[in-house]
Protein backbone atom coordinates (compact mmCIF):
# COMPACT_ATOMS: atom_id res chain seq x y z
CA MET A 1 315.85 35.28 197.94
CA ALA A 2 315.92 38.65 199.61
CA GLN A 3 313.29 41.15 198.66
CA ASP A 4 314.22 44.73 197.96
CA PRO A 5 313.03 46.68 201.07
CA GLY A 6 312.45 49.80 198.96
CA VAL A 7 309.76 48.19 196.89
CA LYS A 8 306.52 47.73 198.75
CA ALA A 9 303.15 46.95 197.31
CA LYS A 10 300.80 49.75 198.26
CA SER A 11 297.14 49.15 198.24
CA PRO A 12 295.26 51.71 196.19
CA GLN A 13 293.59 54.30 198.35
CA THR A 14 290.17 55.12 197.18
CA LYS A 15 288.68 58.50 198.12
CA SER A 16 284.93 57.95 198.38
CA GLU A 17 283.35 61.25 197.78
CA SER A 18 279.63 61.25 197.61
CA LYS A 19 278.17 62.89 194.50
CA PRO A 20 276.00 65.94 195.14
CA PHE A 21 273.32 64.73 192.72
CA LYS A 22 271.08 61.72 192.01
CA VAL A 23 270.15 60.32 188.64
CA LEU A 24 266.69 58.90 188.55
CA THR A 25 265.23 56.82 185.61
CA SER A 26 261.74 55.92 184.79
CA GLY A 27 261.56 54.16 181.49
CA ARG A 28 262.99 56.54 178.95
CA ARG A 29 262.65 59.61 181.28
CA ILE A 30 265.85 60.66 183.07
CA THR A 31 265.77 63.16 185.97
CA ILE A 32 268.83 64.61 187.57
CA GLN A 33 268.33 66.16 191.03
CA SER A 34 271.10 67.99 192.83
CA ASN A 35 271.50 69.72 196.15
CA GLN A 36 273.21 72.57 194.25
CA ASP A 37 272.15 74.45 191.12
CA ILE A 38 273.20 72.74 187.90
CA ASN A 39 274.92 75.18 185.51
CA ARG A 40 275.38 72.91 182.54
CA ILE A 41 274.30 69.43 181.40
CA MET A 42 275.18 67.36 178.39
CA ALA A 43 273.99 63.87 177.46
CA TRP A 44 275.19 61.69 174.55
CA THR A 45 274.73 58.19 173.29
CA THR A 46 277.37 55.48 173.15
CA THR A 47 277.77 56.28 169.48
CA GLY A 48 278.53 59.92 170.24
CA HIS A 49 275.22 61.53 169.27
CA ARG A 50 274.38 64.43 171.58
CA VAL A 51 270.87 64.06 173.01
CA VAL A 52 270.88 67.06 175.45
CA GLU A 53 272.96 70.18 175.82
CA GLN A 54 271.63 72.78 178.20
CA THR A 55 273.68 75.64 179.60
CA SER A 56 273.08 78.44 182.16
CA PHE A 57 269.72 77.25 183.48
CA ASP A 58 270.66 77.33 187.13
CA SER A 59 268.08 74.85 188.54
CA PRO A 60 268.65 72.01 190.99
CA SER A 61 266.85 69.52 188.79
CA TYR A 62 266.58 68.62 185.08
CA SER A 63 264.48 66.05 183.19
CA PHE A 64 264.65 64.80 179.62
CA THR A 65 263.55 61.85 177.49
CA ILE A 66 265.98 59.76 175.42
CA PRO A 67 265.39 58.05 172.10
CA ASN A 68 263.99 54.51 172.42
CA THR A 69 266.88 52.88 170.48
CA GLU A 70 269.52 53.61 173.20
CA LYS A 71 270.45 51.32 176.13
CA PHE A 72 273.21 53.50 177.62
CA LEU A 73 273.83 57.17 177.90
CA PHE A 74 276.64 59.31 179.15
CA VAL A 75 275.88 62.44 181.09
CA MET A 76 278.16 65.30 182.05
CA ILE A 77 276.95 67.75 184.73
CA GLN A 78 278.61 70.98 185.73
CA LEU A 79 277.44 72.45 189.03
CA LYS A 80 277.26 76.09 189.99
CA ASN A 81 280.58 75.76 191.91
CA GLY A 82 282.36 74.74 188.64
CA LYS A 83 282.86 71.09 189.38
CA TYR A 84 282.16 68.54 186.59
CA TYR A 85 280.78 65.07 187.01
CA THR A 86 280.24 62.30 184.43
CA GLU A 87 277.96 59.26 184.72
CA LYS A 88 277.18 56.29 182.53
CA ILE A 89 273.47 55.52 182.75
CA GLY A 90 271.81 52.31 181.67
CA VAL A 91 268.08 52.50 180.66
CA GLN A 92 265.57 49.89 179.71
């Protein structure tokens, strides 16, 4: 059988862009450190309960403690330049 020359399987190209921040965990304590000022941060549980919402604090780092019933957390970070990043964090 002849293959259609117009149909070619393209390998997905991944653009690996390093994130301008680090998420550090120590038990239930979470620290976010960035090389830019953080403009806004939100954290919520897998059930949708908001744990943290902080806006306009313009600091390169932020720390908070989460409730001890949660195993995973979602974090949304907006940097001073306006870019948003989201992360899923597992804690013990």
